[in-house]
C-alpha cells in the first residue's frame, strides 16, 4: 500500500490536473496506516497521505475539481464557507492582576521549573516579571535580584 500511495503522490505532483484515485482510496489508506506497527513506515505513509491530500486540495482551490472524492469536496466547501469577522475598533481592556508582580534580573542560569500554570526558563542576565512568591524563593537561593523601580 505504501508503494501505491507513493505512486499516486508522485503522479499528483507531475500532472497539472487532479488525477483519478481508486474508489475508497483514502479509507483504505487510513486503515493501512492504523494497522501499521513499524513507526518509520507509519510516518512515511502519513507524510505521503497528508501531502497527497494537500496537493489535491490546492489544485482544487485554484482550478480543476473534476476527480475529487466526497471527503475532499466537503473540505473545499468548509474552506469556501468560512466567514471572516472584521476586527472591532474596541479599546483593549486594562489587565487587573491580583498577584504582586516583581521585576527581577537573573544572576545565574537555572533549570526550567513550573508553578503549575507556566514553565519558566531562567538564563543569566534575563529580565523577568514574576510573582512575588516565586521571587522570594529564587532570591533566597541567590538566583535573581529585584530591581528597584522608581517612578
Protein backbone atom coordinates (compact mmCIF):
# COMPACT_ATOMS: atom_id res chain seq x y z
CA UNK A 1 0.00 0.00 0.00
CA UNK A 2 2.89 2.38 0.73
CA UNK A 3 4.21 1.97 -2.82
CA UNK A 4 0.75 2.66 -4.22
CA UNK A 5 0.47 5.77 -2.05
CA UNK A 6 3.87 7.00 -3.28
CA UNK A 7 2.85 6.32 -6.89
CA UNK A 8 -0.30 8.45 -6.57
CA UNK A 9 1.63 11.17 -4.72
CA UNK A 10 4.27 11.40 -7.48
CA UNK A 11 1.63 11.30 -10.20
CA UNK A 12 -0.27 14.12 -8.50
CA UNK A 13 2.88 16.25 -8.39
CA UNK A 14 3.67 15.63 -12.07
CA UNK A 15 0.21 16.26 -13.51
CA UNK A 16 -1.47 19.65 -13.74
CA UNK A 17 -4.97 18.28 -13.25
CA UNK A 18 -6.29 16.26 -10.33
CA UNK A 19 -5.77 12.59 -11.06
CA UNK A 20 -8.38 9.90 -10.55
CA UNK A 21 -7.98 7.82 -7.40
CA UNK A 22 -9.45 4.36 -6.87
CA UNK A 23 -12.78 4.23 -5.06
CA UNK A 24 -12.36 4.18 -1.23
CA UNK A 25 -8.67 5.02 -1.65
CA UNK A 26 -8.45 7.29 1.39
CA UNK A 27 -10.38 4.84 3.58
CA UNK A 28 -8.04 2.03 2.54
CA UNK A 29 -5.00 4.21 3.28
CA UNK A 30 -6.37 5.21 6.71
CA UNK A 31 -6.98 1.56 7.56
CA UNK A 32 -3.49 0.63 6.35
CA UNK A 33 -1.88 3.36 8.47
CA UNK A 34 -3.94 2.42 11.52
CA UNK A 35 -2.75 -1.20 11.29
CA UNK A 36 0.95 -0.42 10.74
CA UNK A 37 3.23 -1.49 13.56
CA UNK A 38 6.53 -0.11 12.20
CA UNK A 39 6.75 3.52 13.37
CA UNK A 40 9.01 4.69 10.50
CA UNK A 41 6.73 3.19 7.88
CA UNK A 42 3.72 4.79 9.61
CA UNK A 43 5.44 8.20 9.49
CA UNK A 44 6.24 7.78 5.79
CA UNK A 45 2.70 6.71 4.97
CA UNK A 46 1.23 9.61 6.95
CA UNK A 47 3.55 12.02 5.14
CA UNK A 48 2.52 10.82 1.69
CA UNK A 49 -1.16 10.71 2.70
CA UNK A 50 -1.17 14.29 4.04
CA UNK A 51 0.89 15.73 1.20
CA UNK A 52 -1.23 14.00 -1.45
CA UNK A 53 -4.36 15.46 0.11
CA UNK A 54 -2.77 18.96 0.35
CA UNK A 55 -1.74 18.92 -3.30
CA UNK A 56 -5.20 17.81 -4.43
CA UNK A 57 -6.94 20.47 -2.31
CA UNK A 58 -4.55 23.13 -3.58
CA UNK A 59 -5.25 22.16 -7.20
CA UNK A 60 -8.98 22.18 -6.50
CA UNK A 61 -8.88 25.65 -4.94
CA UNK A 62 -7.03 27.13 -7.90
CA UNK A 63 -8.52 25.18 -10.76
CA UNK A 64 -9.99 21.86 -11.75
CA UNK A 65 -12.26 19.92 -9.35
CA UNK A 66 -13.19 17.03 -11.59
CA UNK A 67 -11.71 13.99 -9.83
CA UNK A 68 -12.24 14.95 -6.19
CA UNK A 69 -13.71 12.43 -3.78
CA UNK A 70 -16.58 13.31 -1.42
CA UNK A 71 -14.32 13.99 1.55
CA UNK A 72 -12.22 16.46 -0.47
CA UNK A 73 -15.38 18.19 -1.71
CA UNK A 74 -16.52 18.58 1.91
CA UNK A 75 -13.16 20.10 2.86
CA UNK A 76 -13.44 22.58 -0.01
CA UNK A 77 -16.99 23.52 0.99
CA UNK A 78 -15.81 24.18 4.54
CA UNK A 79 -12.96 26.36 3.27
CA UNK A 80 -15.22 28.31 0.94
CA UNK A 81 -17.87 28.89 3.59
CA UNK A 82 -15.51 30.34 6.19
CA UNK A 83 -16.64 33.70 7.45
CA UNK A 84 -14.08 36.27 8.40
CA UNK A 85 -15.06 38.74 11.07
CA UNK A 86 -13.68 42.25 10.91
CA UNK A 87 -11.64 43.44 13.84
CA UNK A 88 -13.57 45.71 16.12
CA UNK A 89 -12.28 49.15 16.93
CA UNK A 90 -12.73 48.46 20.64
CA UNK A 91 -10.06 49.71 23.00
CA UNK A 92 -8.15 46.98 24.82
CA UNK A 93 -9.21 46.49 28.40
CA UNK A 94 -6.85 47.01 31.31
CA UNK A 95 -5.46 43.90 32.88
CA UNK A 96 -6.23 43.61 36.54
CA UNK A 97 -3.95 41.28 38.43
CA UNK A 98 -4.47 40.12 41.98
CA UNK A 99 -0.86 38.95 42.30
CA UNK A 100 2.05 41.16 43.20
CA UNK A 101 4.42 41.05 40.20
CA UNK A 102 8.11 41.83 40.71
CA UNK A 103 10.72 42.81 38.14
CA UNK A 104 13.95 40.83 38.59
CA UNK A 105 17.27 40.11 36.89
CA UNK A 106 18.66 36.57 36.78
CA UNK A 107 22.07 36.27 38.39
CA UNK A 108 22.58 32.61 37.44
CA UNK A 109 21.41 30.11 34.87
CA UNK A 110 18.66 27.98 36.39
CA UNK A 111 16.94 24.87 35.01
CA UNK A 112 13.33 25.11 33.83
CA UNK A 113 10.66 24.87 36.52
CA UNK A 114 6.90 25.29 36.79
CA UNK A 115 4.43 26.83 39.20
CA UNK A 116 1.68 24.53 37.95
CA UNK A 117 0.48 27.02 35.33
CA UNK A 118 3.60 28.19 33.49
CA UNK A 119 7.02 26.80 32.69
CA UNK A 120 9.85 29.19 33.46
CA UNK A 121 13.33 29.06 31.94
CA UNK A 122 15.89 31.36 33.51
CA UNK A 123 19.22 32.27 31.96
CA UNK A 124 21.84 34.58 33.39
CA UNK A 125 21.04 38.30 32.86
CA UNK A 126 17.41 37.67 31.83
CA UNK A 127 14.97 40.35 32.93
CA UNK A 128 11.77 38.75 34.21
CA UNK A 129 8.47 39.76 35.73
CA UNK A 130 7.48 37.09 38.24
CA UNK A 131 5.01 36.55 41.03
CA UNK A 132 6.35 37.78 44.37
CA UNK A 133 6.13 34.28 45.91
CA UNK A 134 8.42 32.85 43.22
CA UNK A 135 10.77 35.83 43.51
CA UNK A 136 11.15 35.29 47.26
CA UNK A 137 12.17 31.65 46.73
CA UNK A 138 14.60 32.45 43.92
CA UNK A 139 16.04 35.40 45.83
CA UNK A 140 16.60 33.22 48.90
CA UNK A 141 18.85 30.98 46.76
CA UNK A 142 20.61 33.97 45.09
CA UNK A 143 19.25 33.14 41.62
CA UNK A 144 17.56 36.50 40.96
CA UNK A 145 17.86 40.05 42.23
CA UNK A 146 14.98 42.54 42.39
CA UNK A 147 15.02 45.83 40.53
CA UNK A 148 14.30 48.93 42.48
CA UNK A 149 11.78 50.71 40.29
CA UNK A 150 11.34 54.41 40.92
CA UNK A 151 8.52 56.37 39.37
